[in-house]
Amino acid sequence: MLKRAISIPRPLLFIFLIFLACSCASRKDVVYFQDTNEFETLVNNSSFVSKFKVDDLVSIYVSSLNPEASAPFNLFRGDTEGGFRAEQVDYLVDQAGEIDFPVIGKLKIEGLSPDELRILLRERLSEYLKDPIINIRLRNFTITVLGAVNAPGTYPVNGEQVTILEALGFAGDLTIRGKRDNVLVIRDFNGTKVYTRVDLTKKSMVKSPVYYLTQNDVVYVEPNKSGIKETSLDARAPIYVSIASVLITSTVILLTRN
């Protein structure tokens, strides 16, 4: 005697298909640089140079063959035992875009690159020092990465430049639910916010004006449809669990009666 085939109730089958569809992601949703060919070379001709902004904290150290002559141009916070100076004082770029440099006085550095500032200082110091050596470093170069990344947060940058890819690397890369074709970079220019979007799935993104980030840039990765649905499902999970429990219980009762 043949046993009758078990039929799955349509409501239960419908729920199963919905969850199966939500768990699927195509290649175009997750892969970077999809239009890149093998052994292809793409030259980035953009001449990016970091510029100083208001509220930047700049370290400037001046040295020369005559240490005593260059000493007045370096400020330190107190002395340690044995005559070793403790901590060098950094310069804050004020709202006028200036710093107050020893002996020389006010210097307008907003909008200058480190090399341009170095040339300016050499010119202004030429009457005091012979062949001065000037070391410049931006002390508060940070970028912030938010949204659908594995480790959102604010990260310090060592050096004068960082790319958007390196910034995402600091944050542990995008999650599988991060939208790769619409990454937003928020940049501040003297209180004016500039919003630029980047498509990480295209090789041309290396030519974007925000491929190289500047200090205090914010990178935001918005969630894709799957991420939005997941958030919505998390909020309604108790309801779905209750409905699923009722359907499963009803199905078991129907199957056991036959």
C-alpha atoms as a PDB file:
ATOM      1  CA  MET A   1       0.000   0.000   0.000  1.00  0.00           C
ATOM      2  CA  LEU A   2       1.503   3.322  -1.103  1.00  0.00           C
ATOM      3  CA  LYS A   3       1.735   6.129   1.416  1.00  0.00           C
ATOM      4  CA  ARG A   4       0.170   9.434   0.461  1.00  0.00           C
ATOM      5  CA  ALA A   5       2.695  12.167  -0.361  1.00  0.00           C
ATOM      6  CA  ILE A   6       3.044  14.883   2.256  1.00  0.00           C
ATOM      7  CA  SER A   7       2.011  18.320   1.004  1.00  0.00           C
ATOM      8  CA  ILE A   8       3.543  21.435   2.515  1.00  0.00           C
ATOM      9  CA  PRO A   9       1.011  24.154   3.298  1.00  0.00           C
ATOM     10  CA  ARG A  10       1.324  27.178   1.045  1.00  0.00           C
ATOM     11  CA  PRO A  11       1.808  29.752   3.870  1.00  0.00           C
ATOM     12  CA  LEU A  12       4.801  27.818   5.201  1.00  0.00           C
ATOM     13  CA  LEU A  13       6.280  27.436   1.709  1.00  0.00           C
ATOM     14  CA  PHE A  14       5.797  31.149   1.049  1.00  0.00           C
ATOM     15  CA  ILE A  15       7.685  32.120   4.227  1.00  0.00           C
ATOM     16  CA  PHE A  16      10.530  29.743   3.335  1.00  0.00           C
ATOM     17  CA  LEU A  17      10.892  31.274  -0.136  1.00  0.00           C
ATOM     18  CA  ILE A  18      10.978  34.805   1.301  1.00  0.00           C
ATOM     19  CA  PHE A  19      13.829  33.976   3.685  1.00  0.00           C
ATOM     20  CA  LEU A  20      15.694  32.189   0.874  1.00  0.00           C
ATOM     21  CA  ALA A  21      15.406  35.222  -1.401  1.00  0.00           C
ATOM     22  CA  CYS A  22      16.567  37.620   1.305  1.00  0.00           C
ATOM     23  CA  SER A  23      19.707  35.561   1.925  1.00  0.00           C
ATOM     24  CA  CYS A  24      20.861  35.741  -1.693  1.00  0.00           C
ATOM     25  CA  ALA A  25      23.285  38.402  -2.963  1.00  0.00           C
ATOM     26  CA  SER A  26      24.592  38.772  -6.495  1.00  0.00           C
ATOM     27  CA  ARG A  27      28.196  39.432  -7.538  1.00  0.00           C
ATOM     28  CA  LYS A  28      27.399  42.986  -8.625  1.00  0.00           C
ATOM     29  CA  ASP A  29      26.321  43.814  -5.079  1.00  0.00           C
ATOM     30  CA  VAL A  30      29.560  42.878  -3.303  1.00  0.00           C
ATOM     31  CA  VAL A  31      32.574  42.854  -5.668  1.00  0.00           C
ATOM     32  CA  TYR A  32      34.886  45.885  -5.986  1.00  0.00           C
ATOM     33  CA  PHE A  33      36.371  47.099  -9.317  1.00  0.00           C
ATOM     34  CA  GLN A  34      34.115  44.877 -11.418  1.00  0.00           C
ATOM     35  CA  ASP A  35      35.112  46.488 -14.731  1.00  0.00           C
ATOM     36  CA  THR A  36      38.849  45.914 -14.276  1.00  0.00           C
ATOM     37  CA  ASN A  37      40.598  43.818 -16.917  1.00  0.00           C
ATOM     38  CA  GLU A  38      43.534  41.493 -16.343  1.00  0.00           C
ATOM     39  CA  PHE A  39      46.966  43.192 -16.377  1.00  0.00           C
ATOM     40  CA  GLU A  40      45.298  46.538 -16.906  1.00  0.00           C
ATOM     41  CA  THR A  41      47.098  49.725 -15.859  1.00  0.00           C
ATOM     42  CA  LEU A  42      45.153  52.807 -14.826  1.00  0.00           C
ATOM     43  CA  VAL A  43      47.185  55.931 -14.117  1.00  0.00           C
ATOM     44  CA  ASN A  44      45.863  58.375 -11.548  1.00  0.00           C
ATOM     45  CA  ASN A  45      46.848  61.793 -12.855  1.00  0.00           C
ATOM     46  CA  SER A  46      45.347  63.741  -9.961  1.00  0.00           C
ATOM     47  CA  SER A  47      48.031  65.722  -8.130  1.00  0.00           C
ATOM     48  CA  PHE A  48      46.591  65.526  -4.639  1.00  0.00           C
ATOM     49  CA  VAL A  49      48.292  67.674  -2.002  1.00  0.00           C
ATOM     50  CA  SER A  50      46.952  68.069   1.522  1.00  0.00           C
ATOM     51  CA  LYS A  51      46.225  71.649   2.624  1.00  0.00           C
ATOM     52  CA  PHE A  52      46.033  73.123   6.082  1.00  0.00           C
ATOM     53  CA  LYS A  53      42.591  73.986   7.440  1.00  0.00           C
ATOM     54  CA  VAL A  54      41.210  75.970  10.352  1.00  0.00           C
ATOM     55  CA  ASP A  55      41.571  74.060  13.669  1.00  0.00           C
ATOM     56  CA  ASP A  56      44.480  72.004  12.363  1.00  0.00           C
ATOM     57  CA  LEU A  57      47.198  71.275  14.903  1.00  0.00           C
ATOM     58  CA  VAL A  58      50.589  71.676  13.219  1.00  0.00           C
ATOM     59  CA  SER A  59      53.988  70.624  14.528  1.00  0.00           C
ATOM     60  CA  ILE A  60      56.900  72.752  13.244  1.00  0.00           C
ATOM     61  CA  TYR A  61      60.507  72.140  14.252  1.00  0.00           C
ATOM     62  CA  VAL A  62      63.335  74.361  13.046  1.00  0.00           C
ATOM     63  CA  SER A  63      66.979  73.307  13.163  1.00  0.00           C
ATOM     64  CA  SER A  64      70.244  74.584  11.704  1.00  0.00           C
ATOM     65  CA  LEU A  65      74.014  74.253  12.020  1.00  0.00           C
ATOM     66  CA  ASN A  66      73.790  76.699  14.906  1.00  0.00           C
ATOM     67  CA  PRO A  67      71.494  75.181  17.561  1.00  0.00           C
ATOM     68  CA  GLU A  68      71.570  78.301  19.692  1.00  0.00           C
ATOM     69  CA  ALA A  69      70.401  80.472  16.790  1.00  0.00           C
ATOM     70  CA  SER A  70      67.508  78.151  15.910  1.00  0.00           C
ATOM     71  CA  ALA A  71      66.379  77.599  19.535  1.00  0.00           C
ATOM     72  CA  PRO A  72      64.127  80.723  19.717  1.00  0.00           C
ATOM     73  CA  PHE A  73      62.011  79.346  16.843  1.00  0.00           C
ATOM     74  CA  ASN A  74      61.038  76.195  18.753  1.00  0.00           C
ATOM     75  CA  LEU A  75      58.645  76.307  21.683  1.00  0.00           C
ATOM     76  CA  PHE A  76      58.633  73.662  24.423  1.00  0.00           C
ATOM     77  CA  ARG A  77      56.342  73.080  27.368  1.00  0.00           C
ATOM     78  CA  GLY A  78      58.622  73.039  30.438  1.00  0.00           C
ATOM     79  CA  ASP A  79      61.970  71.315  31.026  1.00  0.00           C
ATOM     80  CA  THR A  80      62.833  67.926  32.425  1.00  0.00           C
ATOM     81  CA  GLU A  81      65.683  67.102  34.760  1.00  0.00           C
ATOM     82  CA  GLY A  82      69.079  67.231  33.093  1.00  0.00           C
ATOM     83  CA  GLY A  83      68.055  70.092  30.804  1.00  0.00           C
ATOM     84  CA  PHE A  84      66.161  67.964  28.265  1.00  0.00           C
ATOM     85  CA  ARG A  85      63.093  69.810  26.995  1.00  0.00           C
ATOM     86  CA  ALA A  86      59.892  67.911  27.645  1.00  0.00           C
ATOM     87  CA  GLU A  87      57.276  68.482  24.981  1.00  0.00           C
ATOM     88  CA  GLN A  88      57.204  70.602  21.855  1.00  0.00           C
ATOM     89  CA  VAL A  89      54.315  73.038  21.570  1.00  0.00           C
ATOM     90  CA  ASP A  90      52.154  72.615  18.452  1.00  0.00           C
ATOM     91  CA  TYR A  91      50.487  75.459  16.567  1.00  0.00           C
ATOM     92  CA  LEU A  92      46.710  75.703  16.232  1.00  0.00           C
ATOM     93  CA  VAL A  93      45.389  77.251  13.018  1.00  0.00           C
ATOM     94  CA  ASP A  94      42.953  79.892  14.256  1.00  0.00           C
ATOM     95  CA  GLN A  95      39.685  81.060  12.678  1.00  0.00           C
ATOM     96  CA  ALA A  96      41.629  83.554  10.561  1.00  0.00           C
ATOM     97  CA  GLY A  97      43.725  80.693   9.161  1.00  0.00           C
ATOM     98  CA  GLU A  98      46.848  81.896  10.979  1.00  0.00           C
ATOM     99  CA  ILE A  99      49.407  80.628  13.480  1.00  0.00           C
ATOM    100  CA  ASP A 100      51.474  82.735  15.861  1.00  0.00           C
ATOM    101  CA  PHE A 101      55.079  81.754  15.152  1.00  0.00           C
ATOM    102  CA  PRO A 102      57.958  82.749  17.460  1.00  0.00           C
ATOM    103  CA  VAL A 103      59.888  85.910  16.482  1.00  0.00           C
ATOM    104  CA  ILE A 104      58.165  86.117  13.084  1.00  0.00           C
ATOM    105  CA  GLY A 105      54.643  86.605  14.420  1.00  0.00           C
ATOM    106  CA  LYS A 106      51.384  85.857  12.575  1.00  0.00           C
ATOM    107  CA  LEU A 107      51.588  83.569   9.534  1.00  0.00           C
ATOM    108  CA  LYS A 108      48.676  82.817   7.214  1.00  0.00           C
ATOM    109  CA  ILE A 109      48.933  79.078   6.509  1.00  0.00           C
ATOM    110  CA  GLU A 110      45.351  78.072   5.734  1.00  0.00           C
ATOM    111  CA  GLY A 111      45.217  76.663   2.208  1.00  0.00           C
ATOM    112  CA  LEU A 112      48.967  76.021   2.082  1.00  0.00           C
ATOM    113  CA  SER A 113      50.492  72.589   1.639  1.00  0.00           C
ATOM    114  CA  PRO A 114      53.316  71.450   3.952  1.00  0.00           C
ATOM    115  CA  ASP A 115      55.845  72.133   1.172  1.00  0.00           C
ATOM    116  CA  GLU A 116      54.451  75.624   0.591  1.00  0.00           C
ATOM    117  CA  LEU A 117      54.626  76.371   4.311  1.00  0.00           C
ATOM    118  CA  ARG A 118      58.209  75.096   4.391  1.00  0.00           C
ATOM    119  CA  ILE A 119      59.169  77.475   1.561  1.00  0.00           C
ATOM    120  CA  LEU A 120      57.432  80.383   3.306  1.00  0.00           C
ATOM    121  CA  LEU A 121      59.239  79.717   6.574  1.00  0.00           C
ATOM    122  CA  ARG A 122      62.618  79.450   4.852  1.00  0.00           C
ATOM    123  CA  GLU A 123      62.046  82.858   3.302  1.00  0.00           C
ATOM    124  CA  ARG A 124      60.998  84.441   6.599  1.00  0.00           C
ATOM    125  CA  LEU A 125      63.819  82.786   8.560  1.00  0.00           C
ATOM    126  CA  SER A 126      66.558  83.622   6.050  1.00  0.00           C
ATOM    127  CA  GLU A 127      67.502  86.808   7.910  1.00  0.00           C
ATOM    128  CA  TYR A 128      67.982  84.867  11.150  1.00  0.00           C
ATOM    129  CA  LEU A 129      69.313  81.443  10.117  1.00  0.00           C
ATOM    130  CA  LYS A 130      71.556  80.018   7.430  1.00  0.00           C
ATOM    131  CA  ASP A 131      70.136  76.969   5.589  1.00  0.00           C
ATOM    132  CA  PRO A 132      67.447  76.109   8.172  1.00  0.00           C
ATOM    133  CA  ILE A 133      65.947  72.615   8.191  1.00  0.00           C
ATOM    134  CA  ILE A 134      62.199  72.687   8.787  1.00  0.00           C
ATOM    135  CA  ASN A 135      60.162  69.626   9.756  1.00  0.00           C
ATOM    136  CA  ILE A 136      56.375  69.959   9.503  1.00  0.00           C
ATOM    137  CA  ARG A 137      53.704  67.490  10.550  1.00  0.00           C
ATOM    138  CA  LEU A 138      49.936  67.644  10.894  1.00  0.00           C
ATOM    139  CA  ARG A 139      49.193  66.349  14.387  1.00  0.00           C
ATOM    140  CA  ASN A 140      45.420  65.898  14.285  1.00  0.00           C
ATOM    141  CA  PHE A 141      44.902  64.214  10.904  1.00  0.00           C
ATOM    142  CA  THR A 142      41.907  61.960  11.528  1.00  0.00           C
ATOM    143  CA  ILE A 143      39.156  60.472   9.375  1.00  0.00           C
ATOM    144  CA  THR A 144      35.813  59.016  10.456  1.00  0.00           C
ATOM    145  CA  VAL A 145      34.174  55.937   8.916  1.00  0.00           C
ATOM    146  CA  LEU A 146      30.512  55.250   9.701  1.00  0.00           C
ATOM    147  CA  GLY A 147      27.687  52.988   8.565  1.00  0.00           C
ATOM    148  CA  ALA A 148      27.805  49.422   7.278  1.00  0.00           C
ATOM    149  CA  VAL A 149      31.441  48.676   8.133  1.00  0.00           C
ATOM    150  CA  ASN A 150      32.856  46.161  10.572  1.00  0.00           C
ATOM    151  CA  ALA A 151      34.511  48.676  12.911  1.00  0.00           C
ATOM    152  CA  PRO A 152      33.067  52.186  12.592  1.00  0.00           C
ATOM    153  CA  GLY A 153      34.976  54.947  14.325  1.00  0.00           C
ATOM    154  CA  THR A 154      37.470  57.809  14.053  1.00  0.00           C
ATOM    155  CA  TYR A 155      41.003  56.862  13.026  1.00  0.00           C
ATOM    156  CA  PRO A 156      44.299  58.795  13.176  1.00  0.00           C
ATOM    157  CA  VAL A 157      46.389  59.024  10.010  1.00  0.00           C
ATOM    158  CA  ASN A 158      50.171  58.839  10.095  1.00  0.00           C
ATOM    159  CA  GLY A 159      51.540  60.738   7.131  1.00  0.00           C
ATOM    160  CA  GLU A 160      50.218  63.395   4.782  1.00  0.00           C
ATOM    161  CA  GLN A 161      47.652  61.425   2.787  1.00  0.00           C
ATOM    162  CA  VAL A 162      45.243  58.506   2.986  1.00  0.00           C
ATOM    163  CA  THR A 163      42.938  56.983   0.365  1.00  0.00           C
ATOM    164  CA  ILE A 164      39.303  56.065   0.834  1.00  0.00           C
ATOM    165  CA  LEU A 165      40.268  52.401   0.449  1.00  0.00           C
ATOM    166  CA  GLU A 166      42.806  52.686   3.272  1.00  0.00           C
ATOM    167  CA  ALA A 167      40.187  54.399   5.431  1.00  0.00           C
ATOM    168  CA  LEU A 168      37.744  51.541   4.838  1.00  0.00           C
ATOM    169  CA  GLY A 169      40.573  49.157   5.679  1.00  0.00           C
ATOM    170  CA  PHE A 170      41.003  50.913   9.038  1.00  0.00           C
ATOM    171  CA  ALA A 171      37.316  50.204   9.686  1.00  0.00           C
ATOM    172  CA  GLY A 172      37.612  46.512   8.850  1.00  0.00           C
ATOM    173  CA  ASP A 173      36.099  46.846   5.344  1.00  0.00           C
ATOM    174  CA  LEU A 174      32.420  46.998   4.426  1.00  0.00           C
ATOM    175  CA  THR A 175      30.078  44.386   5.792  1.00  0.00           C
ATOM    176  CA  ILE A 176      28.317  42.139   3.294  1.00  0.00           C
ATOM    177  CA  ARG A 177      25.310  44.446   3.645  1.00  0.00           C
ATOM    178  CA  GLY A 178      27.200  47.646   2.841  1.00  0.00           C
ATOM    179  CA  LYS A 179      26.246  49.442  -0.378  1.00  0.00           C
ATOM    180  CA  ARG A 180      29.402  49.509  -2.464  1.00  0.00           C
ATOM    181  CA  ASP A 181      28.214  51.635  -5.369  1.00  0.00           C
ATOM    182  CA  ASN A 182      27.143  54.686  -3.350  1.00  0.00           C
ATOM    183  CA  VAL A 183      29.705  55.454  -0.623  1.00  0.00           C
ATOM    184  CA  LEU A 184      29.381  59.021   0.666  1.00  0.00           C
ATOM    185  CA  VAL A 185      32.305  61.286   1.598  1.00  0.00           C
ATOM    186  CA  ILE A 186      31.510  64.434   3.596  1.00  0.00           C
ATOM    187  CA  ARG A 187      34.187  67.132   3.473  1.00  0.00           C
ATOM    188  CA  ASP A 188      34.335  70.468   5.252  1.00  0.00           C
ATOM    189  CA  PHE A 189      35.643  73.637   3.587  1.00  0.00           C
ATOM    190  CA  ASN A 190      35.581  76.545   6.051  1.00  0.00           C
ATOM    191  CA  GLY A 191      32.224  75.517   7.461  1.00  0.00           C
ATOM    192  CA  THR A 192      30.739  74.498   4.109  1.00  0.00           C
ATOM    193  CA  LYS A 193      29.924  70.800   3.758  1.00  0.00           C
ATOM    194  CA  VAL A 194      30.655  69.162   0.397  1.00  0.00           C
ATOM    195  CA  TYR A 195      29.038  65.781  -0.322  1.00  0.00           C
ATOM    196  CA  THR A 196      30.582  63.431  -2.895  1.00  0.00           C
ATOM    197  CA  ARG A 197      29.554  59.870  -3.720  1.00  0.00           C
ATOM    198  CA  VAL A 198      31.923  57.115  -4.844  1.00  0.00           C
ATOM    199  CA  ASP A 199      31.196  53.853  -6.663  1.00  0.00           C
ATOM    200  CA  LEU A 200      33.636  51.235  -5.368  1.00  0.00           C
ATOM    201  CA  THR A 201      32.538  48.752  -8.027  1.00  0.00           C
ATOM    202  CA  LYS A 202      34.098  50.920 -10.773  1.00  0.00           C
ATOM    203  CA  LYS A 203      37.815  51.250 -11.451  1.00  0.00           C
ATOM    204  CA  SER A 204      37.335  54.941 -12.254  1.00  0.00           C
ATOM    205  CA  MET A 205      36.799  55.637  -8.545  1.00  0.00           C
ATOM    206  CA  VAL A 206      40.560  56.191  -8.206  1.00  0.00           C
ATOM    207  CA  LYS A 207      40.060  59.401 -10.205  1.00  0.00           C
ATOM    208  CA  SER A 208      37.437  60.740  -7.833  1.00  0.00           C
ATOM    209  CA  PRO A 209      38.278  64.060  -6.095  1.00  0.00           C
ATOM    210  CA  VAL A 210      37.713  62.289  -2.773  1.00  0.00           C
ATOM    211  CA  TYR A 211      39.834  59.207  -3.519  1.00  0.00           C
ATOM    212  CA  TYR A 212      42.440  60.905  -1.340  1.00  0.00           C
ATOM    213  CA  LEU A 213      40.867  62.007   1.916  1.00  0.00           C
ATOM    214  CA  THR A 214      41.660  65.171   3.827  1.00  0.00           C
ATOM    215  CA  GLN A 215      41.703  65.725   7.574  1.00  0.00           C
ATOM    216  CA  ASN A 216      38.321  65.359   9.295  1.00  0.00           C
ATOM    217  CA  ASP A 217      36.636  63.778   6.259  1.00  0.00           C
ATOM    218  CA  VAL A 218      33.689  61.495   7.065  1.00  0.00           C
ATOM    219  CA  VAL A 219      33.086  58.325   5.027  1.00  0.00           C
ATOM    220  CA  TYR A 220      29.575  56.898   5.285  1.00  0.00           C
ATOM    221  CA  VAL A 221      28.576  53.489   3.934  1.00  0.00           C
ATOM    222  CA  GLU A 222      24.816  53.124   3.691  1.00  0.00           C
ATOM    223  CA  PRO A 223      23.190  49.686   4.046  1.00  0.00           C
ATOM    224  CA  ASN A 224      21.899  47.937   0.952  1.00  0.00           C
ATOM    225  CA  LYS A 225      18.367  46.560   0.632  1.00  0.00           C
ATOM    226  CA  SER A 226      19.341  43.402   2.451  1.00  0.00           C
ATOM    227  CA  GLY A 227      20.714  45.410   5.375  1.00  0.00           C
ATOM    228  CA  ILE A 228      17.594  47.563   5.565  1.00  0.00           C
ATOM    229  CA  LYS A 229      15.373  44.474   5.476  1.00  0.00           C
ATOM    230  CA  GLU A 230      17.463  42.845   8.178  1.00  0.00           C
ATOM    231  CA  THR A 231      17.028  45.878  10.443  1.00  0.00           C
ATOM    232  CA  SER A 232      13.311  45.792   9.800  1.00  0.00           C
ATOM    233  CA  LEU A 233      13.179  42.052  10.441  1.00  0.00           C
ATOM    234  CA  ASP A 234      15.081  42.446  13.717  1.00  0.00           C
ATOM    235  CA  ALA A 235      12.454  44.889  14.923  1.00  0.00           C
ATOM    236  CA  ARG A 236       9.606  42.572  13.933  1.00  0.00           C
ATOM    237  CA  ALA A 237      11.320  39.296  14.784  1.00  0.00           C
ATOM    238  CA  PRO A 238       9.096  38.480  17.801  1.00  0.00           C
ATOM    239  CA  ILE A 239       5.979  38.827  15.603  1.00  0.00           C
ATOM    240  CA  TYR A 240       7.457  36.611  12.877  1.00  0.00           C
ATOM    241  CA  VAL A 241       8.509  33.998  15.422  1.00  0.00           C
ATOM    242  CA  SER A 242       4.989  33.891  16.822  1.00  0.00           C
ATOM    243  CA  ILE A 243       3.435  33.544  13.358  1.00  0.00           C
ATOM    244  CA  ALA A 244       5.949  30.880  12.353  1.00  0.00           C
ATOM    245  CA  SER A 245       5.288  28.938  15.568  1.00  0.00           C
ATOM    246  CA  VAL A 246       1.545  28.951  14.918  1.00  0.00           C
ATOM    247  CA  LEU A 247       2.018  27.825  11.301  1.00  0.00           C
ATOM    248  CA  ILE A 248       4.448  25.059  12.242  1.00  0.00           C
ATOM    249  CA  THR A 249       2.178  23.832  15.039  1.00  0.00           C
ATOM    250  CA  SER A 250      -0.825  23.846  12.718  1.00  0.00           C
ATOM    251  CA  THR A 251       1.144  21.956  10.054  1.00  0.00           C
ATOM    252  CA  VAL A 252       2.268  19.283  12.529  1.00  0.00           C
ATOM    253  CA  ILE A 253      -1.324  18.813  13.725  1.00  0.00           C
ATOM    254  CA  LEU A 254      -2.600  18.446  10.164  1.00  0.00           C
ATOM    255  CA  LEU A 255       0.101  15.944   9.233  1.00  0.00           C
ATOM    256  CA  THR A 256      -0.408  13.797  12.330  1.00  0.00           C
ATOM    257  CA  ARG A 257      -4.165  13.578  11.837  1.00  0.00           C
ATOM    258  CA  ASN A 258      -3.836  12.040   8.395  1.00  0.00           C
END
